[in-house]
Amino acid sequence: MQRRLQAYFDDNALMLVRQSAYRLYHSTETAVTKVFDELLQAADEGDVSALCLLDLTAAFDTVDHDLMLLKLKL
């Protein structure tokens, strides 16, 4: 199912450029490196930064997969 969903997102250009999860050659390491780089750039420019991290993985445990696939077909 993940492959079908990934193909749908890829075929319809729905993945954000900065999306790291579920993308070939992207990982959490890629995402952390990008965030760290942006924080360093902001500090170099004298800007103040704040970072808020949320773990929403449990939210997807409640997704009705059959309903989601039906909606993706529409």
N, C-alpha and C. Protein backbone atom coordinates (compact mmCIF):
# COMPACT_ATOMS: atom_id res chain seq x y z
N MET A 1 0.81 -1.18 0.00
CA MET A 1 0.00 0.00 0.00
C MET A 1 0.87 1.26 0.00
N GLN A 2 1.98 1.24 0.73
CA GLN A 2 2.85 2.40 0.78
C GLN A 2 3.37 2.73 -0.60
N ARG A 3 3.69 1.73 -1.38
CA ARG A 3 4.18 1.97 -2.75
C ARG A 3 3.12 2.64 -3.61
N ARG A 4 1.87 2.19 -3.48
CA ARG A 4 0.79 2.79 -4.26
C ARG A 4 0.57 4.25 -3.86
N LEU A 5 0.60 4.49 -2.56
CA LEU A 5 0.42 5.86 -2.07
C LEU A 5 1.58 6.74 -2.52
N GLN A 6 2.79 6.21 -2.42
CA GLN A 6 3.97 6.96 -2.86
C GLN A 6 3.89 7.27 -4.35
N ALA A 7 3.48 6.31 -5.13
CA ALA A 7 3.34 6.52 -6.58
C ALA A 7 2.30 7.59 -6.87
N TYR A 8 1.20 7.57 -6.12
CA TYR A 8 0.16 8.59 -6.31
C TYR A 8 0.73 9.98 -6.02
N PHE A 9 1.42 10.11 -4.89
CA PHE A 9 2.02 11.40 -4.54
C PHE A 9 3.04 11.84 -5.58
N ASP A 10 3.87 10.93 -6.02
CA ASP A 10 4.90 11.27 -7.01
C ASP A 10 4.27 11.66 -8.36
N ASP A 11 3.30 10.88 -8.80
CA ASP A 11 2.66 11.13 -10.09
C ASP A 11 1.91 12.47 -10.13
N ASN A 12 1.44 12.90 -8.96
CA ASN A 12 0.66 14.13 -8.89
C ASN A 12 1.42 15.29 -8.25
N ALA A 13 2.73 15.12 -8.11
CA ALA A 13 3.61 16.16 -7.55
C ALA A 13 3.06 16.71 -6.23
N LEU A 14 2.66 15.81 -5.34
CA LEU A 14 2.07 16.22 -4.06
C LEU A 14 3.07 16.25 -2.91
N MET A 15 4.26 15.71 -3.12
CA MET A 15 5.26 15.71 -2.06
C MET A 15 5.95 17.07 -2.02
N LEU A 16 6.05 17.62 -0.83
CA LEU A 16 6.75 18.88 -0.66
C LEU A 16 8.23 18.69 -0.94
N VAL A 17 8.85 19.71 -1.48
CA VAL A 17 10.28 19.64 -1.79
C VAL A 17 11.09 19.32 -0.54
N ARG A 18 10.66 19.83 0.59
CA ARG A 18 11.40 19.65 1.83
C ARG A 18 10.98 18.40 2.60
N GLN A 19 10.10 17.61 2.04
CA GLN A 19 9.66 16.37 2.68
C GLN A 19 10.82 15.38 2.69
N SER A 20 11.15 14.85 3.86
CA SER A 20 12.25 13.90 3.95
C SER A 20 11.77 12.46 4.08
N ALA A 21 10.74 12.25 4.86
CA ALA A 21 10.26 10.88 5.08
C ALA A 21 9.60 10.33 3.82
N TYR A 22 9.76 9.07 3.60
CA TYR A 22 9.12 8.35 2.50
C TYR A 22 9.57 8.82 1.12
N ARG A 23 10.76 9.37 1.04
CA ARG A 23 11.29 9.78 -0.26
C ARG A 23 12.63 9.13 -0.47
N LEU A 24 12.87 8.67 -1.67
CA LEU A 24 14.13 8.04 -2.01
C LEU A 24 15.27 9.03 -1.81
N TYR A 25 16.32 8.59 -1.18
CA TYR A 25 17.53 9.38 -0.91
C TYR A 25 17.30 10.51 0.09
N HIS A 26 16.25 10.44 0.87
CA HIS A 26 15.99 11.41 1.94
C HIS A 26 15.79 10.62 3.22
N SER A 27 16.14 11.23 4.32
CA SER A 27 16.02 10.53 5.59
C SER A 27 15.86 11.55 6.72
N THR A 28 15.76 11.05 7.94
CA THR A 28 15.73 11.96 9.08
C THR A 28 17.04 12.72 9.18
N GLU A 29 18.13 12.08 8.77
CA GLU A 29 19.43 12.77 8.79
C GLU A 29 19.41 13.96 7.83
N THR A 30 18.81 13.79 6.67
CA THR A 30 18.69 14.89 5.71
C THR A 30 17.89 16.04 6.32
N ALA A 31 16.79 15.72 6.97
CA ALA A 31 15.93 16.74 7.57
C ALA A 31 16.64 17.47 8.71
N VAL A 32 17.30 16.72 9.58
CA VAL A 32 18.00 17.34 10.71
C VAL A 32 19.13 18.23 10.22
N THR A 33 19.85 17.78 9.21
CA THR A 33 20.94 18.58 8.66
C THR A 33 20.41 19.89 8.10
N LYS A 34 19.29 19.86 7.40
CA LYS A 34 18.69 21.07 6.83
C LYS A 34 18.25 22.04 7.92
N VAL A 35 17.59 21.54 8.94
CA VAL A 35 17.13 22.39 10.05
C VAL A 35 18.33 23.00 10.76
N PHE A 36 19.33 22.20 11.05
CA PHE A 36 20.53 22.69 11.73
C PHE A 36 21.21 23.78 10.90
N ASP A 37 21.30 23.58 9.59
CA ASP A 37 21.90 24.57 8.70
C ASP A 37 21.12 25.88 8.74
N GLU A 38 19.79 25.79 8.71
CA GLU A 38 18.97 27.00 8.75
C GLU A 38 19.10 27.73 10.09
N LEU A 39 19.22 26.98 11.18
CA LEU A 39 19.42 27.61 12.48
C LEU A 39 20.77 28.33 12.54
N LEU A 40 21.80 27.70 11.98
CA LEU A 40 23.12 28.34 11.95
C LEU A 40 23.11 29.60 11.08
N GLN A 41 22.44 29.54 9.95
CA GLN A 41 22.34 30.72 9.08
C GLN A 41 21.62 31.86 9.80
N ALA A 42 20.54 31.55 10.49
CA ALA A 42 19.80 32.57 11.22
C ALA A 42 20.67 33.19 12.31
N ALA A 43 21.43 32.36 13.02
CA ALA A 43 22.31 32.87 14.07
C ALA A 43 23.39 33.76 13.47
N ASP A 44 23.93 33.36 12.33
CA ASP A 44 24.95 34.18 11.67
C ASP A 44 24.41 35.55 11.27
N GLU A 45 23.12 35.61 10.96
CA GLU A 45 22.49 36.87 10.56
C GLU A 45 21.96 37.65 11.76
N GLY A 46 22.17 37.11 12.95
CA GLY A 46 21.73 37.80 14.17
C GLY A 46 20.27 37.60 14.49
N ASP A 47 19.62 36.66 13.83
CA ASP A 47 18.21 36.39 14.09
C ASP A 47 18.05 35.44 15.27
N VAL A 48 16.90 35.53 15.91
CA VAL A 48 16.54 34.61 16.99
C VAL A 48 15.67 33.51 16.40
N SER A 49 15.92 32.29 16.79
CA SER A 49 15.16 31.15 16.26
C SER A 49 14.48 30.39 17.38
N ALA A 50 13.37 29.79 17.05
CA ALA A 50 12.67 28.89 17.97
C ALA A 50 12.31 27.63 17.18
N LEU A 51 12.33 26.51 17.85
CA LEU A 51 12.05 25.24 17.20
C LEU A 51 11.04 24.48 18.05
N CYS A 52 9.96 24.05 17.42
CA CYS A 52 8.92 23.27 18.09
C CYS A 52 8.80 21.95 17.34
N LEU A 53 9.01 20.85 18.02
CA LEU A 53 8.95 19.53 17.41
C LEU A 53 7.71 18.78 17.90
N LEU A 54 6.97 18.19 16.97
CA LEU A 54 5.78 17.43 17.31
C LEU A 54 5.90 16.02 16.76
N ASP A 55 5.49 15.06 17.54
CA ASP A 55 5.47 13.67 17.07
C ASP A 55 4.01 13.28 16.84
N LEU A 56 3.62 13.22 15.57
CA LEU A 56 2.24 12.91 15.21
C LEU A 56 2.07 11.49 14.69
N THR A 57 3.07 10.64 14.89
CA THR A 57 2.99 9.29 14.33
C THR A 57 1.78 8.52 14.83
N ALA A 58 1.42 8.69 16.08
CA ALA A 58 0.27 7.95 16.62
C ALA A 58 -1.04 8.39 15.96
N ALA A 59 -1.09 9.60 15.47
CA ALA A 59 -2.31 10.09 14.83
C ALA A 59 -2.66 9.25 13.60
N PHE A 60 -1.67 8.73 12.92
CA PHE A 60 -1.92 7.97 11.71
C PHE A 60 -2.36 6.53 11.99
N ASP A 61 -2.27 6.11 13.24
CA ASP A 61 -2.77 4.79 13.61
C ASP A 61 -4.29 4.72 13.51
N THR A 62 -4.95 5.86 13.51
CA THR A 62 -6.41 5.89 13.49
C THR A 62 -6.98 6.07 12.09
N VAL A 63 -6.12 6.16 11.09
CA VAL A 63 -6.57 6.38 9.71
C VAL A 63 -7.22 5.11 9.17
N ASP A 64 -8.40 5.24 8.59
CA ASP A 64 -9.07 4.14 7.93
C ASP A 64 -8.44 4.01 6.53
N HIS A 65 -7.60 3.02 6.34
CA HIS A 65 -6.84 2.89 5.10
C HIS A 65 -7.73 2.64 3.88
N ASP A 66 -8.77 1.88 4.04
CA ASP A 66 -9.69 1.64 2.93
C ASP A 66 -10.36 2.94 2.48
N LEU A 67 -10.77 3.74 3.45
CA LEU A 67 -11.40 5.03 3.13
C LEU A 67 -10.39 5.97 2.48
N MET A 68 -9.18 5.98 2.97
CA MET A 68 -8.15 6.84 2.40
C MET A 68 -7.88 6.45 0.93
N LEU A 69 -7.77 5.16 0.66
CA LEU A 69 -7.54 4.71 -0.72
C LEU A 69 -8.72 5.06 -1.63
N LEU A 70 -9.92 4.94 -1.09
CA LEU A 70 -11.10 5.32 -1.86
C LEU A 70 -11.05 6.80 -2.23
N LYS A 71 -10.71 7.64 -1.28
CA LYS A 71 -10.64 9.09 -1.53
C LYS A 71 -9.53 9.42 -2.51
N LEU A 72 -8.42 8.69 -2.47
CA LEU A 72 -7.32 8.95 -3.39
C LEU A 72 -7.70 8.59 -4.83
N LYS A 73 -8.63 7.66 -5.00
CA LYS A 73 -9.07 7.27 -6.34
C LYS A 73 -9.98 8.31 -6.97
N LEU A 74 -10.59 9.18 -6.15
CA LEU A 74 -11.54 10.18 -6.68
C LEU A 74 -10.86 11.25 -7.47
